Each structure stands twice: as C-alpha cells, then as structure tokens.
Amino acid sequence: MAEVCKTDLKRLVKYLDDAADLYGQQPGQRYKARQYYLKQYSRKLQDKLNKFHNE
C-alpha cells in the first residue's frame, strides 16, 4: 500500500475546499448539496491530519 504524506493530504484538502467553493457559486440545490459533502469530507481529512501529525 502506498504511503500518503502530509503534503499530499494538505493538497487534497485544499483541492476539496476549492471545489466546494466552485460548487457553492452555482445556482441550484444539487450544487449546494455537493458543496456540503465536499466540505464535510475536507473537514474529516483535516481532522485526521491534525490528529496524526500533531502527536
């Protein structure tokens, strides 16, 4: 299994946040739901990053 470094996770979180912002700018409930789930996933990864790299 390939290892994921801290930098990779930070880039992934940034990508998810940027994608959520783009979806948030679009009109319609479908895009708001996508924004919500991308933000949730981003927050989950950020919490794991903080938990394992701050110990």
C-alpha atoms as a PDB file:
ATOM      1  CA  MET A   1       0.000   0.000   0.000  1.00  0.00           C
ATOM      2  CA  ALA A   2       1.320   3.424  -0.900  1.00  0.00           C
ATOM      3  CA  GLU A   3       2.010   5.915   1.839  1.00  0.00           C
ATOM      4  CA  VAL A   4       0.370   9.302   1.884  1.00  0.00           C
ATOM      5  CA  CYS A   5       2.467  12.154   3.158  1.00  0.00           C
ATOM      6  CA  LYS A   6       1.353  15.254   4.997  1.00  0.00           C
ATOM      7  CA  THR A   7       1.836  17.432   1.905  1.00  0.00           C
ATOM      8  CA  ASP A   8      -0.417  15.171  -0.171  1.00  0.00           C
ATOM      9  CA  LEU A   9      -3.180  15.426   2.409  1.00  0.00           C
ATOM     10  CA  LYS A  10      -2.855  19.199   2.585  1.00  0.00           C
ATOM     11  CA  ARG A  11      -3.134  19.431  -1.210  1.00  0.00           C
ATOM     12  CA  LEU A  12      -6.163  17.151  -1.211  1.00  0.00           C
ATOM     13  CA  VAL A  13      -7.888  19.231   1.466  1.00  0.00           C
ATOM     14  CA  LYS A  14      -7.150  22.423  -0.490  1.00  0.00           C
ATOM     15  CA  TYR A  15      -8.494  20.838  -3.686  1.00  0.00           C
ATOM     16  CA  LEU A  16     -11.698  19.765  -1.933  1.00  0.00           C
ATOM     17  CA  ASP A  17     -12.175  23.231  -0.424  1.00  0.00           C
ATOM     18  CA  ASP A  18     -11.643  24.891  -3.809  1.00  0.00           C
ATOM     19  CA  ALA A  19     -14.086  22.506  -5.486  1.00  0.00           C
ATOM     20  CA  ALA A  20     -16.656  23.156  -2.766  1.00  0.00           C
ATOM     21  CA  ASP A  21     -16.294  26.902  -3.291  1.00  0.00           C
ATOM     22  CA  LEU A  22     -16.882  26.489  -7.026  1.00  0.00           C
ATOM     23  CA  TYR A  23     -19.979  24.371  -6.423  1.00  0.00           C
ATOM     24  CA  GLY A  24     -21.192  26.934  -3.900  1.00  0.00           C
ATOM     25  CA  GLN A  25     -21.176  29.641  -6.555  1.00  0.00           C
ATOM     26  CA  GLN A  26     -23.505  27.673  -8.826  1.00  0.00           C
ATOM     27  CA  PRO A  27     -27.285  28.106  -8.542  1.00  0.00           C
ATOM     28  CA  GLY A  28     -29.380  25.137  -7.540  1.00  0.00           C
ATOM     29  CA  GLN A  29     -29.851  22.726  -4.663  1.00  0.00           C
ATOM     30  CA  ARG A  30     -27.807  19.999  -6.366  1.00  0.00           C
ATOM     31  CA  TYR A  31     -24.672  22.137  -6.207  1.00  0.00           C
ATOM     32  CA  LYS A  32     -25.310  23.199  -2.615  1.00  0.00           C
ATOM     33  CA  ALA A  33     -25.509  19.533  -1.619  1.00  0.00           C
ATOM     34  CA  ARG A  34     -22.231  18.789  -3.406  1.00  0.00           C
ATOM     35  CA  GLN A  35     -20.628  21.745  -1.671  1.00  0.00           C
ATOM     36  CA  TYR A  36     -21.843  20.467   1.702  1.00  0.00           C
ATOM     37  CA  TYR A  37     -20.469  16.956   1.210  1.00  0.00           C
ATOM     38  CA  LEU A  38     -17.128  18.179  -0.120  1.00  0.00           C
ATOM     39  CA  LYS A  39     -16.761  20.455   2.913  1.00  0.00           C
ATOM     40  CA  GLN A  40     -17.628  17.559   5.241  1.00  0.00           C
ATOM     41  CA  TYR A  41     -15.046  15.290   3.614  1.00  0.00           C
ATOM     42  CA  SER A  42     -12.457  18.058   3.693  1.00  0.00           C
ATOM     43  CA  ARG A  43     -13.103  18.676   7.385  1.00  0.00           C
ATOM     44  CA  LYS A  44     -12.836  14.957   8.138  1.00  0.00           C
ATOM     45  CA  LEU A  45      -9.466  14.691   6.392  1.00  0.00           C
ATOM     46  CA  GLN A  46      -8.218  17.862   8.076  1.00  0.00           C
ATOM     47  CA  ASP A  47      -9.162  16.450  11.495  1.00  0.00           C
ATOM     48  CA  LYS A  48      -7.300  13.223  10.769  1.00  0.00           C
ATOM     49  CA  LEU A  49      -4.305  15.186   9.539  1.00  0.00           C
ATOM     50  CA  ASN A  50      -4.246  17.227  12.724  1.00  0.00           C
ATOM     51  CA  LYS A  51      -4.720  14.169  14.921  1.00  0.00           C
ATOM     52  CA  PHE A  52      -1.923  12.055  13.460  1.00  0.00           C
ATOM     53  CA  HIS A  53       0.629  14.758  12.665  1.00  0.00           C
ATOM     54  CA  ASN A  54       0.367  16.754  15.875  1.00  0.00           C
ATOM     55  CA  GLU A  55       1.186  13.859  18.199  1.00  0.00           C
END
